[in-house]
PDB file of N, CA and C in Angstrom:
ATOM      1  N   MET A   1      28.410 151.295  84.997  1.00  0.00           N
ATOM      2  CA  MET A   1      28.269 150.293  85.925  1.00  0.00           C
ATOM      3  C   MET A   1      28.127 149.006  85.615  1.00  0.00           C
ATOM      4  N   LEU A   2      28.376 149.269  83.786  1.00  0.00           N
ATOM      5  CA  LEU A   2      28.765 147.651  83.258  1.00  0.00           C
ATOM      6  C   LEU A   2      30.700 147.880  83.551  1.00  0.00           C
ATOM      7  N   MET A   3      31.131 148.788  83.799  1.00  0.00           N
ATOM      8  CA  MET A   3      32.566 148.599  83.477  1.00  0.00           C
ATOM      9  C   MET A   3      33.240 148.519  84.699  1.00  0.00           C
ATOM     10  N   THR A   4      32.148 149.106  86.053  1.00  0.00           N
ATOM     11  CA  THR A   4      32.419 148.543  87.657  1.00  0.00           C
ATOM     12  C   THR A   4      32.268 147.596  87.607  1.00  0.00           C
ATOM     13  N   ALA A   5      30.976 146.751  87.517  1.00  0.00           N
ATOM     14  CA  ALA A   5      30.687 145.279  87.369  1.00  0.00           C
ATOM     15  C   ALA A   5      31.899 144.609  86.512  1.00  0.00           C
ATOM     16  N   CYS A   6      32.701 144.644  85.469  1.00  0.00           N
ATOM     17  CA  CYS A   6      33.460 143.881  85.247  1.00  0.00           C
ATOM     18  C   CYS A   6      35.032 143.992  85.356  1.00  0.00           C
ATOM     19  N   ASP A   7      35.047 145.170  86.630  1.00  0.00           N
ATOM     20  CA  ASP A   7      36.245 145.657  87.628  1.00  0.00           C
ATOM     21  C   ASP A   7      36.212 144.745  88.718  1.00  0.00           C
ATOM     22  N   LEU A   8      35.206 144.098  89.387  1.00  0.00           N
ATOM     23  CA  LEU A   8      35.026 143.582  90.335  1.00  0.00           C
ATOM     24  C   LEU A   8      34.346 142.483  90.050  1.00  0.00           C
ATOM     25  N   GLY A   9      34.293 141.665  89.085  1.00  0.00           N
ATOM     26  CA  GLY A   9      33.556 140.331  88.072  1.00  0.00           C
ATOM     27  C   GLY A   9      34.355 139.065  88.697  1.00  0.00           C
ATOM     28  N   ALA A  10      35.497 139.616  89.730  1.00  0.00           N
ATOM     29  CA  ALA A  10      36.303 138.249  90.294  1.00  0.00           C
ATOM     30  C   ALA A  10      35.236 137.495  91.950  1.00  0.00           C
ATOM     31  N   VAL A  11      34.228 138.601  92.285  1.00  0.00           N
ATOM     32  CA  VAL A  11      33.766 138.365  93.159  1.00  0.00           C
ATOM     33  C   VAL A  11      31.908 137.751  92.564  1.00  0.00           C
ATOM     34  N   THR A  12      32.154 136.801  91.211  1.00  0.00           N
ATOM     35  CA  THR A  12      30.647 136.884  90.738  1.00  0.00           C
ATOM     36  C   THR A  12      31.691 134.868  90.504  1.00  0.00           C
ATOM     37  N   LYS A  13      32.723 135.344  90.344  1.00  0.00           N
ATOM     38  CA  LYS A  13      33.462 133.495  90.538  1.00  0.00           C
ATOM     39  C   LYS A  13      33.212 132.634  91.289  1.00  0.00           C
ATOM     40  N   PRO A  14      33.554 131.277  90.685  1.00  0.00           N
ATOM     41  CA  PRO A  14      33.405 130.674  91.482  1.00  0.00           C
ATOM     42  C   PRO A  14      34.350 130.751  92.717  1.00  0.00           C
ATOM     43  N   TRP A  15      34.022 130.382  94.155  1.00  0.00           N
ATOM     44  CA  TRP A  15      34.530 130.270  95.241  1.00  0.00           C
ATOM     45  C   TRP A  15      36.281 130.059  95.186  1.00  0.00           C
ATOM     46  N   GLU A  16      36.688 129.330  94.804  1.00  0.00           N
ATOM     47  CA  GLU A  16      38.264 129.083  94.398  1.00  0.00           C
ATOM     48  C   GLU A  16      38.404 129.944  94.185  1.00  0.00           C
ATOM     49  N   ILE A  17      38.154 130.880  92.657  1.00  0.00           N
ATOM     50  CA  ILE A  17      39.014 131.597  91.984  1.00  0.00           C
ATOM     51  C   ILE A  17      38.618 133.389  93.095  1.00  0.00           C
ATOM     52  N   SER A  18      37.579 133.051  93.224  1.00  0.00           N
ATOM     53  CA  SER A  18      36.528 134.148  94.391  1.00  0.00           C
ATOM     54  C   SER A  18      37.910 134.150  94.791  1.00  0.00           C
ATOM     55  N   ARG A  19      38.202 133.387  96.196  1.00  0.00           N
ATOM     56  CA  ARG A  19      39.038 133.310  97.044  1.00  0.00           C
ATOM     57  C   ARG A  19      39.925 134.073  96.469  1.00  0.00           C
ATOM     58  N   GLN A  20      41.029 133.217  95.499  1.00  0.00           N
ATOM     59  CA  GLN A  20      42.363 133.752  95.010  1.00  0.00           C
ATOM     60  C   GLN A  20      42.711 134.809  94.799  1.00  0.00           C
ATOM     61  N   ALA A  21      41.704 135.821  93.691  1.00  0.00           N
ATOM     62  CA  ALA A  21      41.532 136.976  93.923  1.00  0.00           C
ATOM     63  C   ALA A  21      41.376 137.948  94.905  1.00  0.00           C
ATOM     64  N   ALA A  22      40.487 137.338  96.105  1.00  0.00           N
ATOM     65  CA  ALA A  22      40.738 138.569  97.105  1.00  0.00           C
ATOM     66  C   ALA A  22      42.402 138.024  97.993  1.00  0.00           C
ATOM     67  N   GLU A  23      42.860 136.975  97.551  1.00  0.00           N
ATOM     68  CA  GLU A  23      44.023 137.237  98.582  1.00  0.00           C
ATOM     69  C   GLU A  23      45.125 137.851  97.764  1.00  0.00           C
ATOM     70  N   LEU A  24      45.390 137.864  96.438  1.00  0.00           N
ATOM     71  CA  LEU A  24      46.128 138.366  95.661  1.00  0.00           C
ATOM     72  C   LEU A  24      46.344 140.086  96.228  1.00  0.00           C
ATOM     73  N   VAL A  25      44.571 140.876  95.807  1.00  0.00           N
ATOM     74  CA  VAL A  25      44.234 142.176  96.287  1.00  0.00           C
ATOM     75  C   VAL A  25      44.752 142.391  97.403  1.00  0.00           C
ATOM     76  N   THR A  26      44.640 141.443  98.622  1.00  0.00           N
ATOM     77  CA  THR A  26      44.848 141.850  99.896  1.00  0.00           C
ATOM     78  C   THR A  26      46.465 141.757 100.139  1.00  0.00           C
ATOM     79  N   SER A  27      47.258 140.912  99.281  1.00  0.00           N
ATOM     80  CA  SER A  27      48.290 141.264  99.216  1.00  0.00           C
ATOM     81  C   SER A  27      48.837 142.677  98.781  1.00  0.00           C
ATOM     82  N   GLU A  28      48.739 142.774  98.074  1.00  0.00           N
ATOM     83  CA  GLU A  28      48.773 144.091  97.465  1.00  0.00           C
ATOM     84  C   GLU A  28      48.247 145.249  98.097  1.00  0.00           C
ATOM     85  N   PHE A  29      47.273 144.916  99.063  1.00  0.00           N
ATOM     86  CA  PHE A  29      46.890 146.062  99.980  1.00  0.00           C
ATOM     87  C   PHE A  29      47.953 146.305 100.881  1.00  0.00           C
ATOM     88  N   PHE A  30      48.027 145.126 101.464  1.00  0.00           N
ATOM     89  CA  PHE A  30      49.099 144.274 102.591  1.00  0.00           C
ATOM     90  C   PHE A  30      50.667 145.423 102.498  1.00  0.00           C
ATOM     91  N   GLU A  31      50.804 145.324 101.466  1.00  0.00           N
ATOM     92  CA  GLU A  31      52.104 146.309 100.847  1.00  0.00           C
ATOM     93  C   GLU A  31      51.898 147.592 101.103  1.00  0.00           C
ATOM     94  N   GLN A  32      50.822 147.935 100.021  1.00  0.00           N
ATOM     95  CA  GLN A  32      50.481 149.602 100.502  1.00  0.00           C
ATOM     96  C   GLN A  32      50.405 149.926 101.791  1.00  0.00           C
ATOM     97  N   GLY A  33      49.636 149.089 102.964  1.00  0.00           N
ATOM     98  CA  GLY A  33      49.976 149.690 104.325  1.00  0.00           C
ATOM     99  C   GLY A  33      51.037 149.648 105.074  1.00  0.00           C
ATOM    100  N   ASP A  34      51.777 149.189 104.069  1.00  0.00           N
ATOM    101  CA  ASP A  34      53.280 148.578 104.898  1.00  0.00           C
ATOM    102  C   ASP A  34      54.129 149.778 104.758  1.00  0.00           C
ATOM    103  N   ARG A  35      53.984 150.654 103.933  1.00  0.00           N
ATOM    104  CA  ARG A  35      54.580 151.218 103.147  1.00  0.00           C
ATOM    105  C   ARG A  35      54.207 152.798 103.938  1.00  0.00           C
ATOM    106  N   GLU A  36      52.714 152.869 103.357  1.00  0.00           N
ATOM    107  CA  GLU A  36      51.941 153.672 104.355  1.00  0.00           C
ATOM    108  C   GLU A  36      52.416 153.568 105.964  1.00  0.00           C
ATOM    109  N   ARG A  37      53.115 153.040 106.504  1.00  0.00           N
ATOM    110  CA  ARG A  37      53.329 152.832 108.263  1.00  0.00           C
ATOM    111  C   ARG A  37      54.452 153.206 108.358  1.00  0.00           C
ATOM    112  N   SER A  38      55.712 152.313 107.254  1.00  0.00           N
ATOM    113  CA  SER A  38      57.099 153.039 107.468  1.00  0.00           C
ATOM    114  C   SER A  38      57.528 153.800 106.608  1.00  0.00           C
ATOM    115  N   GLU A  39      57.086 154.554 105.913  1.00  0.00           N
ATOM    116  CA  GLU A  39      57.090 155.750 104.911  1.00  0.00           C
ATOM    117  C   GLU A  39      56.781 156.706 105.279  1.00  0.00           C
ATOM    118  N   LEU A  40      55.441 156.890 105.509  1.00  0.00           N
ATOM    119  CA  LEU A  40      54.396 157.675 105.807  1.00  0.00           C
ATOM    120  C   LEU A  40      54.361 158.483 107.097  1.00  0.00           C
ATOM    121  N   LYS A  41      54.222 157.200 107.948  1.00  0.00           N
ATOM    122  CA  LYS A  41      54.748 156.385 109.579  1.00  0.00           C
ATOM    123  C   LYS A  41      52.870 156.883 109.978  1.00  0.00           C
ATOM    124  N   LEU A  42      51.902 156.261 108.909  1.00  0.00           N
ATOM    125  CA  LEU A  42      50.788 156.729 109.469  1.00  0.00           C
ATOM    126  C   LEU A  42      50.149 155.059 109.120  1.00  0.00           C
ATOM    127  N   THR A  43      49.363 155.024 110.090  1.00  0.00           N
ATOM    128  CA  THR A  43      48.146 153.991 110.511  1.00  0.00           C
ATOM    129  C   THR A  43      47.466 153.265 109.508  1.00  0.00           C
ATOM    130  N   PRO A  44      47.468 152.513 108.712  1.00  0.00           N
ATOM    131  CA  PRO A  44      47.268 152.278 107.488  1.00  0.00           C
ATOM    132  C   PRO A  44      45.379 151.529 108.234  1.00  0.00           C
ATOM    133  N   SER A  45      44.565 151.863 106.791  1.00  0.00           N
ATOM    134  CA  SER A  45      43.377 151.686 107.720  1.00  0.00           C
ATOM    135  C   SER A  45      43.137 149.619 107.504  1.00  0.00           C
ATOM    136  N   ALA A  46      41.996 149.020 107.973  1.00  0.00           N
ATOM    137  CA  ALA A  46      42.097 148.001 108.512  1.00  0.00           C
ATOM    138  C   ALA A  46      42.315 146.980 107.395  1.00  0.00           C
ATOM    139  N   ILE A  47      41.794 147.021 106.189  1.00  0.00           N
ATOM    140  CA  ILE A  47      41.957 146.631 104.694  1.00  0.00           C
ATOM    141  C   ILE A  47      43.163 146.283 104.332  1.00  0.00           C
ATOM    142  N   PHE A  48      44.395 147.593 104.975  1.00  0.00           N
ATOM    143  CA  PHE A  48      45.257 147.500 103.961  1.00  0.00           C
ATOM    144  C   PHE A  48      46.415 147.387 105.574  1.00  0.00           C
ATOM    145  N   ASP A  49      45.765 146.964 106.559  1.00  0.00           N
ATOM    146  CA  ASP A  49      46.771 146.731 107.778  1.00  0.00           C
ATOM    147  C   ASP A  49      46.889 145.286 107.530  1.00  0.00           C
ATOM    148  N   ARG A  50      48.111 144.594 107.615  1.00  0.00           N
ATOM    149  CA  ARG A  50      48.612 143.069 107.451  1.00  0.00           C
ATOM    150  C   ARG A  50      48.422 142.810 109.636  1.00  0.00           C
ATOM    151  N   ASN A  51      48.409 143.791 110.403  1.00  0.00           N
ATOM    152  CA  ASN A  51      48.215 143.172 111.462  1.00  0.00           C
ATOM    153  C   ASN A  51      46.607 143.097 112.149  1.00  0.00           C
ATOM    154  N   ARG A  52      45.719 143.247 111.060  1.00  0.00           N
ATOM    155  CA  ARG A  52      44.102 142.727 111.200  1.00  0.00           C
ATOM    156  C   ARG A  52      43.762 141.884 109.937  1.00  0.00           C
ATOM    157  N   LYS A  53      44.574 141.172 109.424  1.00  0.00           N
ATOM    158  CA  LYS A  53      44.139 140.183 108.383  1.00  0.00           C
ATOM    159  C   LYS A  53      43.472 138.960 109.069  1.00  0.00           C
ATOM    160  N   ASP A  54      43.164 139.281 110.079  1.00  0.00           N
ATOM    161  CA  ASP A  54      42.009 138.211 110.970  1.00  0.00           C
ATOM    162  C   ASP A  54      40.792 139.153 110.461  1.00  0.00           C
ATOM    163  N   GLU A  55      40.629 140.255 110.404  1.00  0.00           N
ATOM    164  CA  GLU A  55      39.604 140.998 110.338  1.00  0.00           C
ATOM    165  C   GLU A  55      39.360 141.201 108.493  1.00  0.00           C
ATOM    166  N   LEU A  56      39.716 140.352 107.755  1.00  0.00           N
ATOM    167  CA  LEU A  56      39.438 140.215 106.788  1.00  0.00           C
ATOM    168  C   LEU A  56      37.799 139.545 105.622  1.00  0.00           C
ATOM    169  N   PRO A  57      37.388 138.671 106.632  1.00  0.00           N
ATOM    170  CA  PRO A  57      36.698 138.031 106.359  1.00  0.00           C
ATOM    171  C   PRO A  57      34.714 139.115 106.125  1.00  0.00           C
ATOM    172  N   ARG A  58      35.060 139.834 107.619  1.00  0.00           N
ATOM    173  CA  ARG A  58      34.328 140.896 107.771  1.00  0.00           C
ATOM    174  C   ARG A  58      34.242 141.767 106.827  1.00  0.00           C
ATOM    175  N   LEU A  59      35.268 142.092 106.613  1.00  0.00           N
ATOM    176  CA  LEU A  59      35.890 143.105 105.949  1.00  0.00           C
ATOM    177  C   LEU A  59      35.006 143.156 104.343  1.00  0.00           C
ATOM    178  N   GLN A  60      35.441 141.593 104.001  1.00  0.00           N
ATOM    179  CA  GLN A  60      34.876 140.837 102.676  1.00  0.00           C
ATOM    180  C   GLN A  60      33.337 141.565 102.726  1.00  0.00           C
ATOM    181  N   LEU A  61      33.216 140.721 103.685  1.00  0.00           N
ATOM    182  CA  LEU A  61      31.633 140.827 103.973  1.00  0.00           C
ATOM    183  C   LEU A  61      30.782 142.376 104.068  1.00  0.00           C
ATOM    184  N   GLU A  62      31.643 143.006 104.114  1.00  0.00           N
ATOM    185  CA  GLU A  62      31.441 144.417 104.512  1.00  0.00           C
ATOM    186  C   GLU A  62      31.343 144.771 102.696  1.00  0.00           C
ATOM    187  N   TRP A  63      32.257 145.199 101.979  1.00  0.00           N
ATOM    188  CA  TRP A  63      32.349 145.576 101.238  1.00  0.00           C
ATOM    189  C   TRP A  63      30.994 144.544  99.606  1.00  0.00           C
ATOM    190  N   ILE A  64      31.412 143.635  99.850  1.00  0.00           N
ATOM    191  CA  ILE A  64      30.264 142.555  98.746  1.00  0.00           C
ATOM    192  C   ILE A  64      29.200 143.547  99.181  1.00  0.00           C
ATOM    193  N   ASP A  65      28.179 143.503 101.169  1.00  0.00           N
ATOM    194  CA  ASP A  65      26.905 143.684 101.228  1.00  0.00           C
ATOM    195  C   ASP A  65      27.066 145.609 101.160  1.00  0.00           C
ATOM    196  N   SER A  66      27.845 146.034 100.834  1.00  0.00           N
ATOM    197  CA  SER A  66      27.549 147.510 100.460  1.00  0.00           C
ATOM    198  C   SER A  66      28.129 147.847  99.089  1.00  0.00           C
ATOM    199  N   ILE A  67      28.714 147.419  98.181  1.00  0.00           N
ATOM    200  CA  ILE A  67      29.647 147.782  96.756  1.00  0.00           C
ATOM    201  C   ILE A  67      29.074 146.581  96.149  1.00  0.00           C
ATOM    202  N   CYS A  68      28.945 145.483  96.129  1.00  0.00           N
ATOM    203  CA  CYS A  68      28.880 144.261  94.829  1.00  0.00           C
ATOM    204  C   CYS A  68      27.106 143.975  94.802  1.00  0.00           C
ATOM    205  N   MET A  69      27.080 143.714  96.178  1.00  0.00           N
ATOM    206  CA  MET A  69      25.359 143.118  96.155  1.00  0.00           C
ATOM    207  C   MET A  69      24.308 144.193  95.007  1.00  0.00           C
ATOM    208  N   PRO A  70      24.431 145.466  95.740  1.00  0.00           N
ATOM    209  CA  PRO A  70      23.848 146.479  95.115  1.00  0.00           C
ATOM    210  C   PRO A  70      23.734 146.618  93.732  1.00  0.00           C
ATOM    211  N   LEU A  71      25.259 146.587  93.217  1.00  0.00           N
ATOM    212  CA  LEU A  71      25.545 146.668  91.927  1.00  0.00           C
ATOM    213  C   LEU A  71      24.786 145.855  91.362  1.00  0.00           C
ATOM    214  N   TYR A  72      24.699 143.978  91.709  1.00  0.00           N
ATOM    215  CA  TYR A  72      24.986 143.225  90.756  1.00  0.00           C
ATOM    216  C   TYR A  72      23.443 142.642  91.060  1.00  0.00           C
ATOM    217  N   GLN A  73      22.570 143.637  91.845  1.00  0.00           N
ATOM    218  CA  GLN A  73      21.369 143.625  92.029  1.00  0.00           C
ATOM    219  C   GLN A  73      20.768 144.373  90.962  1.00  0.00           C
ATOM    220  N   SER A  74      21.452 145.824  90.783  1.00  0.00           N
ATOM    221  CA  SER A  74      20.828 146.469  89.663  1.00  0.00           C
ATOM    222  C   SER A  74      20.780 145.741  88.496  1.00  0.00           C
ATOM    223  N   LEU A  75      21.892 145.407  87.973  1.00  0.00           N
ATOM    224  CA  LEU A  75      22.419 144.609  86.736  1.00  0.00           C
ATOM    225  C   LEU A  75      21.204 143.962  86.082  1.00  0.00           C
ATOM    226  N   VAL A  76      21.251 143.166  87.795  1.00  0.00           N
ATOM    227  CA  VAL A  76      20.029 141.913  87.470  1.00  0.00           C
ATOM    228  C   VAL A  76      18.588 142.502  87.159  1.00  0.00           C
ATOM    229  N   LYS A  77      18.119 144.208  87.683  1.00  0.00           N
ATOM    230  CA  LYS A  77      17.030 144.939  87.074  1.00  0.00           C
ATOM    231  C   LYS A  77      16.715 144.955  86.032  1.00  0.00           C
ATOM    232  N   VAL A  78      18.053 145.350  85.088  1.00  0.00           N
ATOM    233  CA  VAL A  78      18.489 145.654  83.752  1.00  0.00           C
ATOM    234  C   VAL A  78      18.273 144.520  83.000  1.00  0.00           C
ATOM    235  N   ASN A  79      18.855 143.814  83.231  1.00  0.00           N
ATOM    236  CA  ASN A  79      18.417 142.386  82.825  1.00  0.00           C
ATOM    237  C   ASN A  79      18.677 140.967  83.192  1.00  0.00           C
ATOM    238  N   VAL A  80      17.590 140.341  83.461  1.00  0.00           N
ATOM    239  CA  VAL A  80      17.596 139.523  84.251  1.00  0.00           C
ATOM    240  C   VAL A  80      18.171 137.833  84.137  1.00  0.00           C
ATOM    241  N   LYS A  81      19.456 137.639  82.539  1.00  0.00           N
ATOM    242  CA  LYS A  81      20.113 137.369  81.960  1.00  0.00           C
ATOM    243  C   LYS A  81      21.387 137.112  83.015  1.00  0.00           C
ATOM    244  N   LEU A  82      21.570 138.619  83.676  1.00  0.00           N
ATOM    245  CA  LEU A  82      22.845 138.726  84.927  1.00  0.00           C
ATOM    246  C   LEU A  82      22.597 138.031  85.769  1.00  0.00           C
ATOM    247  N   LYS A  83      21.637 137.158  86.406  1.00  0.00           N
ATOM    248  CA  LYS A  83      21.191 136.747  88.004  1.00  0.00           C
ATOM    249  C   LYS A  83      22.234 135.535  88.114  1.00  0.00           C
ATOM    250  N   PRO A  84      22.775 134.795  87.613  1.00  0.00           N
ATOM    251  CA  PRO A  84      23.660 133.806  87.693  1.00  0.00           C
ATOM    252  C   PRO A  84      24.669 134.577  88.233  1.00  0.00           C
ATOM    253  N   MET A  85      25.455 136.285  87.864  1.00  0.00           N
ATOM    254  CA  MET A  85      26.518 136.398  88.415  1.00  0.00           C
ATOM    255  C   MET A  85      25.840 137.063  90.362  1.00  0.00           C
ATOM    256  N   LEU A  86      24.863 137.306  89.943  1.00  0.00           N
ATOM    257  CA  LEU A  86      24.350 137.589  91.492  1.00  0.00           C
ATOM    258  C   LEU A  86      24.324 136.918  92.287  1.00  0.00           C
ATOM    259  N   ASP A  87      23.819 135.500  92.057  1.00  0.00           N
ATOM    260  CA  ASP A  87      24.092 134.155  92.943  1.00  0.00           C
ATOM    261  C   ASP A  87      25.303 133.774  93.158  1.00  0.00           C
ATOM    262  N   SER A  88      26.380 134.011  92.360  1.00  0.00           N
ATOM    263  CA  SER A  88      27.706 133.810  91.968  1.00  0.00           C
ATOM    264  C   SER A  88      27.966 134.100  94.195  1.00  0.00           C
ATOM    265  N   VAL A  89      27.908 136.098  93.736  1.00  0.00           N
ATOM    266  CA  VAL A  89      28.028 136.945  94.624  1.00  0.00           C
ATOM    267  C   VAL A  89      27.227 136.073  95.900  1.00  0.00           C
ATOM    268  N   ALA A  90      26.106 136.028  95.619  1.00  0.00           N
ATOM    269  CA  ALA A  90      25.572 135.268  97.238  1.00  0.00           C
ATOM    270  C   ALA A  90      26.173 134.074  97.959  1.00  0.00           C
ATOM    271  N   VAL A  91      26.600 132.898  97.082  1.00  0.00           N
ATOM    272  CA  VAL A  91      27.139 132.164  97.137  1.00  0.00           C
ATOM    273  C   VAL A  91      28.804 132.629  97.474  1.00  0.00           C
ATOM    274  N   ASN A  92      29.731 132.954  97.644  1.00  0.00           N
ATOM    275  CA  ASN A  92      30.848 133.642  98.063  1.00  0.00           C
ATOM    276  C   ASN A  92      30.337 134.430  99.296  1.00  0.00           C
ATOM    277  N   ARG A  93      29.319 135.042  99.219  1.00  0.00           N
ATOM    278  CA  ARG A  93      28.934 136.056 100.531  1.00  0.00           C
ATOM    279  C   ARG A  93      29.239 134.575 101.503  1.00  0.00           C
ATOM    280  N   GLY A  94      28.798 134.371 101.041  1.00  0.00           N
ATOM    281  CA  GLY A  94      28.107 132.982 102.240  1.00  0.00           C
ATOM    282  C   GLY A  94      29.656 131.778 102.960  1.00  0.00           C
ATOM    283  N   LYS A  95      30.234 132.254 102.508  1.00  0.00           N
ATOM    284  CA  LYS A  95      31.422 131.408 102.244  1.00  0.00           C
ATOM    285  C   LYS A  95      32.474 132.467 103.310  1.00  0.00           C
ATOM    286  N   TRP A  96      32.402 133.948 103.347  1.00  0.00           N
ATOM    287  CA  TRP A  96      32.640 134.838 103.705  1.00  0.00           C
ATOM    288  C   TRP A  96      32.510 134.790 104.861  1.00  0.00           C
ATOM    289  N   GLU A  97      30.847 134.772 104.958  1.00  0.00           N
ATOM    290  CA  GLU A  97      30.392 134.687 106.337  1.00  0.00           C
ATOM    291  C   GLU A  97      30.764 133.609 107.198  1.00  0.00           C
ATOM    292  N   GLU A  98      30.705 131.913 106.389  1.00  0.00           N
ATOM    293  CA  GLU A  98      31.047 131.107 107.274  1.00  0.00           C
ATOM    294  C   GLU A  98      32.741 131.570 108.017  1.00  0.00           C
ATOM    295  N   LEU A  99      33.794 132.052 107.035  1.00  0.00           N
ATOM    296  CA  LEU A  99      35.000 132.013 107.805  1.00  0.00           C
ATOM    297  C   LEU A  99      35.172 133.359 108.829  1.00  0.00           C
ATOM    298  N   HIS A 100      34.145 134.497 108.654  1.00  0.00           N
ATOM    299  CA  HIS A 100      34.181 135.281 109.846  1.00  0.00           C
ATOM    300  C   HIS A 100      33.472 134.849 111.086  1.00  0.00           C
ATOM    301  N   GLN A 101      32.245 133.869 110.994  1.00  0.00           N
ATOM    302  CA  GLN A 101      31.924 132.992 112.126  1.00  0.00           C
ATOM    303  C   GLN A 101      32.815 132.052 112.751  1.00  0.00           C
ATOM    304  N   LYS A 102      33.631 131.649 111.563  1.00  0.00           N
ATOM    305  CA  LYS A 102      34.781 130.563 112.578  1.00  0.00           C
ATOM    306  C   LYS A 102      35.814 131.732 113.312  1.00  0.00           C
ATOM    307  N   THR A 103      36.315 132.507 112.411  1.00  0.00           N
ATOM    308  CA  THR A 103      36.772 133.924 113.313  1.00  0.00           C
ATOM    309  C   THR A 103      36.267 134.271 114.632  1.00  0.00           C
ATOM    310  N   LEU A 104      35.437 134.408 114.787  1.00  0.00           N
ATOM    311  CA  LEU A 104      34.746 134.835 115.672  1.00  0.00           C
ATOM    312  C   LEU A 104      34.779 133.623 117.001  1.00  0.00           C
ATOM    313  N   LEU A 105      33.989 132.829 116.211  1.00  0.00           N
ATOM    314  CA  LEU A 105      34.569 131.702 117.805  1.00  0.00           C
ATOM    315  C   LEU A 105      35.952 131.648 118.098  1.00  0.00           C
ATOM    316  N   SER A 106      36.898 131.380 116.733  1.00  0.00           N
ATOM    317  CA  SER A 106      38.163 131.170 117.323  1.00  0.00           C
ATOM    318  C   SER A 106      38.765 132.407 118.891  1.00  0.00           C
ATOM    319  N   GLN A 107      38.033 133.342 118.211  1.00  0.00           N
ATOM    320  CA  GLN A 107      38.591 134.365 119.389  1.00  0.00           C
ATOM    321  C   GLN A 107      37.789 134.926 121.074  1.00  0.00           C
ATOM    322  N   THR A 108      36.817 133.590 120.462  1.00  0.00           N
ATOM    323  CA  THR A 108      36.181 133.795 121.943  1.00  0.00           C
ATOM    324  C   THR A 108      36.326 132.299 122.938  1.00  0.00           C
ATOM    325  N   THR A 109      37.147 131.301 121.897  1.00  0.00           N
ATOM    326  CA  THR A 109      37.333 130.034 122.911  1.00  0.00           C
ATOM    327  C   THR A 109      38.340 130.171 122.920  1.00  0.00           C
ATOM    328  N   PRO A 110      38.515 129.692 124.639  1.00  0.00           N
ATOM    329  CA  PRO A 110      40.143 129.754 125.586  1.00  0.00           C
ATOM    330  C   PRO A 110      40.716 128.913 124.773  1.00  0.00           C
ATOM    331  N   CYS A 111      41.927 128.737 125.192  1.00  0.00           N
ATOM    332  CA  CYS A 111      42.911 127.891 124.765  1.00  0.00           C
ATOM    333  C   CYS A 111      42.805 127.804 122.984  1.00  0.00           C
ATOM    334  N   SER A 112      42.158 128.759 122.221  1.00  0.00           N
ATOM    335  CA  SER A 112      42.362 127.968 120.751  1.00  0.00           C
ATOM    336  C   SER A 112      43.441 128.904 119.833  1.00  0.00           C
ATOM    337  N   SER A 113      43.875 128.570 119.273  1.00  0.00           N
ATOM    338  CA  SER A 113      45.364 128.935 118.971  1.00  0.00           C
ATOM    339  C   SER A 113      44.707 129.872 117.488  1.00  0.00           C
ATOM    340  N   SER A 114      45.787 130.861 117.741  1.00  0.00           N
ATOM    341  CA  SER A 114      45.179 131.875 116.616  1.00  0.00           C
ATOM    342  C   SER A 114      45.165 131.697 115.407  1.00  0.00           C
ATOM    343  N   SER A 115      44.241 131.939 114.491  1.00  0.00           N
ATOM    344  CA  SER A 115      44.260 131.191 113.096  1.00  0.00           C
ATOM    345  C   SER A 115      44.406 132.715 112.069  1.00  0.00           C
ATOM    346  N   SER A 116      45.182 132.452 111.344  1.00  0.00           N
ATOM    347  CA  SER A 116      45.891 133.418 110.214  1.00  0.00           C
ATOM    348  C   SER A 116      44.779 132.942 109.207  1.00  0.00           C
ATOM    349  N   PHE A 117      44.488 134.303 108.236  1.00  0.00           N
ATOM    350  CA  PHE A 117      43.802 134.526 107.358  1.00  0.00           C
ATOM    351  C   PHE A 117      44.225 132.697 106.273  1.00  0.00           C
ATOM    352  N   SER A 118      45.290 132.771 106.061  1.00  0.00           N
ATOM    353  CA  SER A 118      45.545 131.376 104.777  1.00  0.00           C
ATOM    354  C   SER A 118      44.767 130.293 105.685  1.00  0.00           C
ATOM    355  N   VAL A 119      44.864 129.985 106.874  1.00  0.00           N
ATOM    356  CA  VAL A 119      44.598 128.923 107.437  1.00  0.00           C
ATOM    357  C   VAL A 119      43.087 129.173 107.422  1.00  0.00           C
ATOM    358  N   SER A 120      42.195 130.310 108.026  1.00  0.00           N
ATOM    359  CA  SER A 120      40.805 129.828 107.868  1.00  0.00           C
ATOM    360  C   SER A 120      40.530 129.761 106.409  1.00  0.00           C
ATOM    361  N   LEU A 121      41.154 130.564 105.513  1.00  0.00           N
ATOM    362  CA  LEU A 121      40.856 130.069 104.241  1.00  0.00           C
ATOM    363  C   LEU A 121      40.552 128.584 103.632  1.00  0.00           C
ATOM    364  N   GLU A 122      41.767 127.948 104.145  1.00  0.00           N
ATOM    365  CA  GLU A 122      42.324 126.663 103.533  1.00  0.00           C
ATOM    366  C   GLU A 122      40.813 125.773 104.455  1.00  0.00           C
ATOM    367  N   ASP A 123      40.314 126.338 105.130  1.00  0.00           N
ATOM    368  CA  ASP A 123      38.684 125.279 106.223  1.00  0.00           C
ATOM    369  C   ASP A 123      37.931 125.356 104.956  1.00  0.00           C
ATOM    370  N   ILE A 124      38.215 126.653 104.286  1.00  0.00           N
ATOM    371  CA  ILE A 124      36.366 126.378 103.474  1.00  0.00           C
ATOM    372  C   ILE A 124      36.970 125.817 102.015  1.00  0.00           C
ATOM    373  N   HIS A 125      37.953 125.394 101.952  1.00  0.00           N
ATOM    374  CA  HIS A 125      37.711 124.659 100.696  1.00  0.00           C
ATOM    375  C   HIS A 125      36.608 123.366 100.178  1.00  0.00           C
TER     376      HIS A 125
END
């Protein structure tokens, strides 16, 4: 569990660092998805599909809710001194939720310009 917590540790960092790590990982995922599409003629899953980049906030929320929160909640049960890490995950989750809500709003507002992932992230800074 501790090794996994270390591996996923970017989610516990301040928002700017966590966001940058998510962008780097997403860039790698998109490259893999591009290769899957071009070389293997497969449709990549959402997190690897550059064409679905606007879904990233929702996908980050799913990842945090299903993997990160349970992991860090369990670690806090083992040692309460680790609670600041869990608190940081919750703060970052809130930022992703805000991005997700902005994405939903932009999709339902007529005549709104389509927002890209990087533009949406800039709104949160």
